[in-house]
Amino acid sequence: MNVIVRGCLAGALVVGTYGAASAQEAKSAPLARQLASALSAAKLDSVAAKDPVRPNGYIGALHIPGVQLLVIAAEYPAPALIDPRLAKGEYREIYIDLNASGVPGSKVFVEDLGANGLLAKPGDNPMDMYEESGKRLRFDGEWGRQKMSEQEYMKGFAGADERYAEMLTALLAQLKKSS
């Protein structure tokens, strides 16, 4: 009987931990809202920056006000072509170049619908998507459809949210530097 009670308590602790994690705001949420607001205030629809995590890496974002924030990070095969564009503030062109010519296997792409950060369990909000190295995660709260356990789903979400927060932080720093 003592073993059963301990097992139930351990199970409740795991469920309680996931419940608290999903109820807690993601790291990317305030940063995404801040970036969307800063882009709107500056009357810009895009921004780009060097990626502080990867050498020869860049990050680009395209904001569609009231709809979504599309963010890509990738290594670029010819940094000498991107650096002058970055200095000139040719952010949309960099975003397009990263989508078209980023080094395969180095790309991270985020579709943040609502430009409100990633949501593990979106509820009434549209689902967000995260793609890295060709593996796509849909954050719709339906881990079973993606052939994952809830634990794998939440681990994938935590990693995606962490990387997205790093990307947003670099983009916000670039906006502050260029204004």
Protein backbone atom coordinates (compact mmCIF):
# COMPACT_ATOMS: atom_id res chain seq x y z
CA MET A 1 0.00 0.00 0.00
CA ASN A 2 2.83 2.38 0.84
CA VAL A 3 4.32 1.80 -2.66
CA ILE A 4 0.98 2.58 -4.34
CA VAL A 5 0.62 5.85 -2.42
CA ARG A 6 4.19 6.88 -3.33
CA GLY A 7 3.51 6.02 -7.00
CA CYS A 8 0.34 8.11 -7.00
CA LEU A 9 2.14 11.02 -5.35
CA ALA A 10 4.97 10.81 -7.88
CA GLY A 11 2.44 10.76 -10.74
CA ALA A 12 0.61 13.75 -9.27
CA LEU A 13 3.92 15.59 -8.94
CA VAL A 14 4.75 15.00 -12.62
CA VAL A 15 1.27 16.10 -13.77
CA GLY A 16 1.44 19.12 -11.45
CA THR A 17 4.84 20.08 -12.84
CA TYR A 18 3.60 19.99 -16.46
CA GLY A 19 0.44 21.90 -15.53
CA ALA A 20 2.48 24.65 -13.87
CA ALA A 21 4.92 24.81 -16.79
CA SER A 22 2.15 25.17 -19.36
CA ALA A 23 0.35 27.81 -17.28
CA GLN A 24 3.55 29.82 -16.91
CA GLU A 25 4.28 32.36 -19.64
CA ALA A 26 6.95 31.26 -22.10
CA LYS A 27 10.27 33.14 -22.23
CA SER A 28 9.53 34.17 -25.81
CA ALA A 29 6.14 35.76 -25.04
CA PRO A 30 7.20 39.18 -23.70
CA LEU A 31 10.06 39.38 -26.21
CA ALA A 32 7.80 38.66 -29.20
CA ARG A 33 5.28 41.27 -28.08
CA GLN A 34 8.09 43.76 -27.51
CA LEU A 35 9.59 43.11 -30.97
CA ALA A 36 6.20 43.40 -32.71
CA SER A 37 5.52 46.66 -30.88
CA ALA A 38 8.99 48.07 -31.63
CA LEU A 39 8.70 47.21 -35.33
CA SER A 40 5.28 48.86 -35.54
CA ALA A 41 6.54 51.95 -33.71
CA ALA A 42 9.52 52.21 -36.10
CA LYS A 43 7.18 51.63 -39.08
CA LEU A 44 9.22 48.59 -40.11
CA ASP A 45 7.99 45.17 -41.17
CA SER A 46 11.34 43.41 -40.79
CA VAL A 47 14.60 43.32 -38.89
CA ALA A 48 17.76 41.23 -39.06
CA ALA A 49 20.81 40.66 -36.87
CA LYS A 50 23.91 38.54 -36.47
CA ASP A 51 23.21 35.34 -34.57
CA PRO A 52 25.14 35.43 -31.28
CA VAL A 53 24.89 31.63 -31.02
CA ARG A 54 26.35 30.60 -34.40
CA PRO A 55 29.38 31.90 -36.29
CA ASN A 56 28.35 32.99 -39.79
CA GLY A 57 24.77 32.88 -38.55
CA TYR A 58 22.10 35.52 -39.02
CA ILE A 59 18.53 36.01 -37.87
CA GLY A 60 15.75 37.68 -39.84
CA ALA A 61 12.18 38.49 -38.92
CA LEU A 62 9.15 39.53 -40.92
CA HIS A 63 6.22 41.01 -39.00
CA ILE A 64 2.70 41.04 -40.37
CA PRO A 65 0.88 43.30 -37.88
CA GLY A 66 -2.05 41.68 -36.14
CA VAL A 67 -1.29 38.34 -37.79
CA GLN A 68 2.13 36.81 -37.16
CA LEU A 69 5.86 37.07 -36.68
CA LEU A 70 8.00 34.89 -38.95
CA VAL A 71 11.56 34.44 -37.70
CA ILE A 72 14.41 32.54 -39.32
CA ALA A 73 17.95 31.87 -38.17
CA ALA A 74 20.51 30.25 -40.44
CA GLU A 75 24.17 30.21 -41.30
CA TYR A 76 24.84 32.01 -44.56
CA PRO A 77 27.47 30.68 -46.98
CA ALA A 78 28.80 34.16 -47.85
CA PRO A 79 28.78 36.45 -44.79
CA ALA A 80 30.64 39.10 -46.83
CA LEU A 81 27.40 39.57 -48.80
CA ILE A 82 25.14 39.85 -45.75
CA ASP A 83 27.23 42.11 -43.49
CA PRO A 84 27.00 45.20 -45.76
CA ARG A 85 23.23 44.69 -46.11
CA LEU A 86 22.94 44.49 -42.34
CA ALA A 87 24.88 47.75 -41.98
CA LYS A 88 22.52 49.43 -44.50
CA GLY A 89 19.40 48.15 -42.72
CA GLU A 90 18.27 45.98 -45.65
CA TYR A 91 16.46 43.69 -43.27
CA ARG A 92 13.74 42.32 -45.57
CA GLU A 93 16.36 41.30 -48.14
CA ILE A 94 18.33 39.47 -45.46
CA TYR A 95 15.18 37.67 -44.31
CA ILE A 96 14.53 36.57 -47.90
CA ASP A 97 18.15 35.50 -48.42
CA LEU A 98 18.15 33.39 -45.26
CA ASN A 99 14.97 31.63 -46.37
CA ALA A 100 16.29 30.99 -49.86
CA SER A 101 20.00 30.38 -49.34
CA GLY A 102 20.69 29.59 -45.70
CA VAL A 103 22.97 26.62 -45.15
CA PRO A 104 20.79 23.47 -45.06
CA GLY A 105 20.73 21.86 -41.63
CA SER A 106 21.43 25.19 -39.92
CA LYS A 107 17.96 26.69 -40.32
CA VAL A 108 15.57 27.41 -37.48
CA PHE A 109 12.18 28.76 -38.54
CA VAL A 110 9.43 30.00 -36.23
CA GLU A 111 5.85 30.78 -37.19
CA ASP A 112 4.54 32.78 -34.25
CA LEU A 113 0.87 33.30 -35.02
CA GLY A 114 -0.37 36.29 -33.09
CA ALA A 115 3.21 37.55 -32.53
CA ASN A 116 2.77 36.69 -28.85
CA GLY A 117 5.52 34.12 -28.31
CA LEU A 118 5.28 30.37 -28.42
CA LEU A 119 2.38 28.70 -26.65
CA ALA A 120 2.69 25.03 -25.67
CA LYS A 121 -1.06 24.58 -25.41
CA PRO A 122 -2.68 27.37 -27.41
CA GLY A 123 -6.29 26.89 -26.31
CA ASP A 124 -8.30 29.39 -28.37
CA ASN A 125 -5.16 30.93 -29.91
CA PRO A 126 -3.80 29.73 -33.26
CA MET A 127 -1.01 27.15 -33.03
CA ASP A 128 2.63 28.11 -33.45
CA MET A 129 5.21 26.09 -35.34
CA TYR A 130 8.92 25.59 -34.89
CA GLU A 131 11.24 23.92 -37.37
CA GLU A 132 14.88 23.06 -36.80
CA SER A 133 17.11 20.92 -39.00
CA GLY A 134 14.07 19.77 -40.97
CA LYS A 135 12.12 18.61 -37.91
CA ARG A 136 8.82 20.45 -37.49
CA LEU A 137 6.97 20.78 -34.19
CA ARG A 138 3.37 21.98 -34.10
CA PHE A 139 2.49 23.52 -30.77
CA ASP A 140 -1.18 22.62 -30.80
CA GLY A 141 -1.26 20.65 -27.54
CA GLU A 142 -1.78 17.43 -29.52
CA TRP A 143 1.50 15.55 -28.90
CA GLY A 144 -0.09 12.20 -29.76
CA ARG A 145 -0.73 13.31 -33.35
CA GLN A 146 2.99 14.00 -33.64
CA LYS A 147 3.80 10.55 -32.23
CA MET A 148 5.28 12.03 -29.06
CA SER A 149 4.66 11.63 -25.37
CA GLU A 150 3.58 14.69 -23.39
CA GLN A 151 7.04 14.73 -21.79
CA GLU A 152 8.79 14.74 -25.22
CA TYR A 153 6.40 17.45 -26.42
CA MET A 154 7.06 19.68 -23.41
CA LYS A 155 10.82 19.11 -23.71
CA GLY A 156 10.65 20.09 -27.40
CA PHE A 157 8.62 23.14 -26.48
CA ALA A 158 11.11 24.22 -23.80
CA GLY A 159 14.03 23.93 -26.24
CA ALA A 160 12.14 25.79 -28.98
CA ASP A 161 11.08 28.54 -26.60
CA GLU A 162 14.66 28.98 -25.34
CA ARG A 163 16.07 29.26 -28.87
CA TYR A 164 13.27 31.57 -30.00
CA ALA A 165 13.91 33.84 -26.99
CA GLU A 166 17.62 34.03 -27.98
CA MET A 167 16.65 34.96 -31.53
CA LEU A 168 14.20 37.64 -30.40
CA THR A 169 16.75 39.10 -27.97
CA ALA A 170 19.29 39.51 -30.80
CA LEU A 171 16.68 41.15 -33.04
CA LEU A 172 15.61 43.56 -30.29
CA ALA A 173 19.26 44.51 -29.68
CA GLN A 174 19.70 45.23 -33.40
CA LEU A 175 16.60 47.43 -33.47
CA LYS A 176 17.85 49.43 -30.48
CA LYS A 177 21.28 49.77 -32.06
CA SER A 178 19.89 50.97 -35.41
CA SER A 179 17.47 53.55 -34.00
